[in-house]
C-alpha atoms as a PDB file:
ATOM      1  CA  MET A   1       0.000   0.000   0.000  1.00  0.00           C
ATOM      2  CA  SER A   2       1.458   3.338  -1.026  1.00  0.00           C
ATOM      3  CA  LEU A   3       1.137   6.327   1.264  1.00  0.00           C
ATOM      4  CA  LYS A   4      -0.216   8.361  -1.620  1.00  0.00           C
ATOM      5  CA  LYS A   5      -3.144   5.937  -1.690  1.00  0.00           C
ATOM      6  CA  LEU A   6      -3.831   6.230   2.042  1.00  0.00           C
ATOM      7  CA  ALA A   7      -6.989   8.038   3.059  1.00  0.00           C
ATOM      8  CA  TRP A   8      -6.724  11.786   3.479  1.00  0.00           C
ATOM      9  CA  PRO A   9      -6.886  11.720   7.316  1.00  0.00           C
ATOM     10  CA  TRP A  10      -3.390  10.208   7.301  1.00  0.00           C
ATOM     11  CA  GLN A  11      -2.120  13.316   5.486  1.00  0.00           C
ATOM     12  CA  ILE A  12      -3.453  15.723   8.148  1.00  0.00           C
ATOM     13  CA  PRO A  13      -0.429  15.587  10.537  1.00  0.00           C
ATOM     14  CA  GLU A  14       1.942  16.952   7.906  1.00  0.00           C
ATOM     15  CA  PHE A  15      -0.407  19.828   7.071  1.00  0.00           C
ATOM     16  CA  LEU A  16      -0.994  20.756  10.709  1.00  0.00           C
ATOM     17  CA  LEU A  17       2.726  20.609  11.474  1.00  0.00           C
ATOM     18  CA  MET A  18       3.344  22.857   8.454  1.00  0.00           C
ATOM     19  CA  ALA A  19       0.761  25.272   9.871  1.00  0.00           C
ATOM     20  CA  ALA A  20       2.527  25.181  13.269  1.00  0.00           C
ATOM     21  CA  VAL A  21       5.856  25.988  11.607  1.00  0.00           C
ATOM     22  CA  VAL A  22       4.284  28.878   9.688  1.00  0.00           C
ATOM     23  CA  PHE A  23       2.783  30.131  12.976  1.00  0.00           C
ATOM     24  CA  TYR A  24       6.231  29.931  14.581  1.00  0.00           C
ATOM     25  CA  TRP A  25       7.775  31.751  11.616  1.00  0.00           C
ATOM     26  CA  VAL A  26       5.215  34.573  11.754  1.00  0.00           C
ATOM     27  CA  SER A  27       5.570  34.816  15.555  1.00  0.00           C
ATOM     28  CA  THR A  28       9.309  35.431  15.350  1.00  0.00           C
ATOM     29  CA  ALA A  29       8.761  38.514  13.157  1.00  0.00           C
ATOM     30  CA  HIS A  30      11.853  37.731  11.089  1.00  0.00           C
ATOM     31  CA  LEU A  31      11.538  37.298   7.362  1.00  0.00           C
ATOM     32  CA  ILE A  32      14.602  35.087   7.150  1.00  0.00           C
ATOM     33  CA  ASN A  33      14.323  32.413   9.815  1.00  0.00           C
ATOM     34  CA  PRO A  34      16.598  29.466   8.921  1.00  0.00           C
ATOM     35  CA  VAL A  35      15.000  27.080  11.439  1.00  0.00           C
ATOM     36  CA  ALA A  36      11.508  27.690  10.084  1.00  0.00           C
ATOM     37  CA  ILE A  37      12.699  27.522   6.465  1.00  0.00           C
ATOM     38  CA  VAL A  38      14.443  24.180   7.013  1.00  0.00           C
ATOM     39  CA  LEU A  39      11.526  22.678   8.974  1.00  0.00           C
ATOM     40  CA  LEU A  40       8.945  23.837   6.445  1.00  0.00           C
ATOM     41  CA  THR A  41      11.045  22.596   3.525  1.00  0.00           C
ATOM     42  CA  LEU A  42      11.531  19.181   5.163  1.00  0.00           C
ATOM     43  CA  LEU A  43       7.822  18.848   5.962  1.00  0.00           C
ATOM     44  CA  ILE A  44       6.794  19.794   2.425  1.00  0.00           C
ATOM     45  CA  LEU A  45       9.314  17.376   0.916  1.00  0.00           C
ATOM     46  CA  GLN A  46       8.180  14.660   3.304  1.00  0.00           C
ATOM     47  CA  TRP A  47       4.563  15.171   2.372  1.00  0.00           C
ATOM     48  CA  TRP A  48       5.422  15.198  -1.329  1.00  0.00           C
ATOM     49  CA  LEU A  49       7.959  12.336  -1.469  1.00  0.00           C
ATOM     50  CA  SER A  50       6.981  10.187   1.568  1.00  0.00           C
ATOM     51  CA  ILE A  51      10.486   9.007   2.402  1.00  0.00           C
ATOM     52  CA  ARG A  52      10.200   6.491   5.221  1.00  0.00           C
ATOM     53  CA  TRP A  53      13.328   7.288   7.244  1.00  0.00           C
ATOM     54  CA  ILE A  54      12.688  11.038   7.101  1.00  0.00           C
ATOM     55  CA  GLY A  55       9.088  10.301   8.117  1.00  0.00           C
ATOM     56  CA  ILE A  56      10.446   8.680  11.274  1.00  0.00           C
ATOM     57  CA  LEU A  57      13.399  10.989  11.997  1.00  0.00           C
ATOM     58  CA  LEU A  58      11.695  14.370  11.524  1.00  0.00           C
ATOM     59  CA  PRO A  59       8.713  13.724  13.832  1.00  0.00           C
ATOM     60  CA  SER A  60      11.048  12.122  16.385  1.00  0.00           C
ATOM     61  CA  VAL A  61      13.036  15.358  16.541  1.00  0.00           C
ATOM     62  CA  LEU A  62       9.805  17.379  16.714  1.00  0.00           C
ATOM     63  CA  LEU A  63       8.541  15.134  19.522  1.00  0.00           C
ATOM     64  CA  LEU A  64      11.734  15.691  21.518  1.00  0.00           C
ATOM     65  CA  LEU A  65      11.580  19.446  20.932  1.00  0.00           C
ATOM     66  CA  SER A  66       7.920  19.516  21.955  1.00  0.00           C
ATOM     67  CA  SER A  67       8.737  17.637  25.161  1.00  0.00           C
ATOM     68  CA  TYR A  68      11.516  20.107  25.928  1.00  0.00           C
ATOM     69  CA  MET A  69       9.218  23.060  25.251  1.00  0.00           C
ATOM     70  CA  MET A  70       6.491  21.610  27.504  1.00  0.00           C
ATOM     71  CA  LEU A  71       9.048  21.474  30.307  1.00  0.00           C
ATOM     72  CA  ALA A  72      10.037  25.069  29.525  1.00  0.00           C
ATOM     73  CA  VAL A  73       6.401  26.203  29.661  1.00  0.00           C
ATOM     74  CA  TRP A  74       5.918  24.400  32.980  1.00  0.00           C
ATOM     75  CA  SER A  75       9.088  26.010  34.346  1.00  0.00           C
ATOM     76  CA  GLU A  76       7.900  29.448  33.256  1.00  0.00           C
ATOM     77  CA  TYR A  77       4.506  28.789  34.858  1.00  0.00           C
ATOM     78  CA  LYS A  78       6.175  27.818  38.146  1.00  0.00           C
ATOM     79  CA  GLU A  79       8.037  31.154  38.218  1.00  0.00           C
ATOM     80  CA  TYR A  80       4.785  33.019  38.842  1.00  0.00           C
ATOM     81  CA  PRO A  81       4.579  33.747  42.595  1.00  0.00           C
ATOM     82  CA  GLU A  82       0.774  33.622  42.544  1.00  0.00           C
ATOM     83  CA  PRO A  83      -1.119  31.834  39.744  1.00  0.00           C
ATOM     84  CA  ASN A  84      -3.248  34.364  37.885  1.00  0.00           C
ATOM     85  CA  ALA A  85      -5.083  34.605  34.564  1.00  0.00           C
ATOM     86  CA  GLU A  86      -1.869  35.332  32.651  1.00  0.00           C
ATOM     87  CA  ALA A  87      -0.155  32.271  34.137  1.00  0.00           C
ATOM     88  CA  TYR A  88      -3.107  30.038  33.281  1.00  0.00           C
ATOM     89  CA  ARG A  89      -3.230  31.438  29.750  1.00  0.00           C
ATOM     90  CA  LEU A  90       0.502  30.716  29.321  1.00  0.00           C
ATOM     91  CA  LEU A  91      -0.014  27.186  30.579  1.00  0.00           C
ATOM     92  CA  ALA A  92      -3.103  26.506  28.449  1.00  0.00           C
ATOM     93  CA  ILE A  93      -1.759  27.915  25.191  1.00  0.00           C
ATOM     94  CA  GLY A  94       1.803  26.647  25.610  1.00  0.00           C
ATOM     95  CA  MET A  95       0.877  23.156  26.717  1.00  0.00           C
ATOM     96  CA  GLY A  96      -1.909  22.942  24.155  1.00  0.00           C
ATOM     97  CA  LEU A  97       0.369  23.907  21.280  1.00  0.00           C
ATOM     98  CA  PHE A  98       3.172  21.553  22.257  1.00  0.00           C
ATOM     99  CA  LEU A  99       0.839  18.676  23.155  1.00  0.00           C
ATOM    100  CA  LEU A 100      -0.750  19.037  19.723  1.00  0.00           C
ATOM    101  CA  THR A 101       2.650  19.125  18.033  1.00  0.00           C
ATOM    102  CA  GLY A 102       3.830  16.098  20.006  1.00  0.00           C
ATOM    103  CA  SER A 103       0.637  14.178  19.256  1.00  0.00           C
ATOM    104  CA  LEU A 104       0.873  14.917  15.544  1.00  0.00           C
ATOM    105  CA  SER A 105       4.502  13.830  15.585  1.00  0.00           C
ATOM    106  CA  ALA A 106       3.504  10.560  17.274  1.00  0.00           C
ATOM    107  CA  VAL A 107       0.852   9.972  14.597  1.00  0.00           C
ATOM    108  CA  MET A 108       3.482  10.558  11.897  1.00  0.00           C
ATOM    109  CA  ILE A 109       5.859   8.110  13.579  1.00  0.00           C
ATOM    110  CA  TYR A 110       3.084   5.501  13.705  1.00  0.00           C
ATOM    111  CA  LYS A 111       2.190   6.199  10.103  1.00  0.00           C
ATOM    112  CA  TYR A 112       5.712   5.709   8.784  1.00  0.00           C
ATOM    113  CA  THR A 113       6.568   2.721  10.978  1.00  0.00           C
ATOM    114  CA  HIS A 114       3.360   0.713  10.560  1.00  0.00           C
ATOM    115  CA  LEU A 115       1.604   1.835   7.397  1.00  0.00           C
ATOM    116  CA  TYR A 116       4.514   2.496   5.071  1.00  0.00           C
ATOM    117  CA  PRO A 117       5.825  -0.603   3.291  1.00  0.00           C
ATOM    118  CA  ARG A 118       9.396  -1.631   3.898  1.00  0.00           C
ATOM    119  CA  HIS A 119      11.550  -2.144   0.850  1.00  0.00           C
ATOM    120  CA  LYS A 120      12.345  -5.788   0.263  1.00  0.00           C
ATOM    121  CA  ARG A 121      15.846  -6.694  -0.692  1.00  0.00           C
ATOM    122  CA  THR A 122      16.257  -8.570  -3.909  1.00  0.00           C
ATOM    123  CA  ASP A 123      19.389 -10.664  -3.626  1.00  0.00           C
END
């Protein structure tokens, strides 16, 4: 089964991760952002070409970065002396964004490990 023939819901993680990278790029307010350019280029190429090892490596890196950022958001939340509306908003938006990114990365890892056919050696 080719990934191009998979149902459209299996293509959603790539599109949502591309949207998250575009959101990050716009949030930095820099036109030339090498991290965003590289991530967006890799995600577009992955969606277009469906290379199995990139489909496992790229979301694995994104999953690790999301985990790190969730810890950073929690650390920032704990720095508030008294929890207030701003602290709760930071926690809700930050954790929500990085939980979504991590979940989408996990779906991509599942997709490329279980649904993508392995190449058989012809010896």
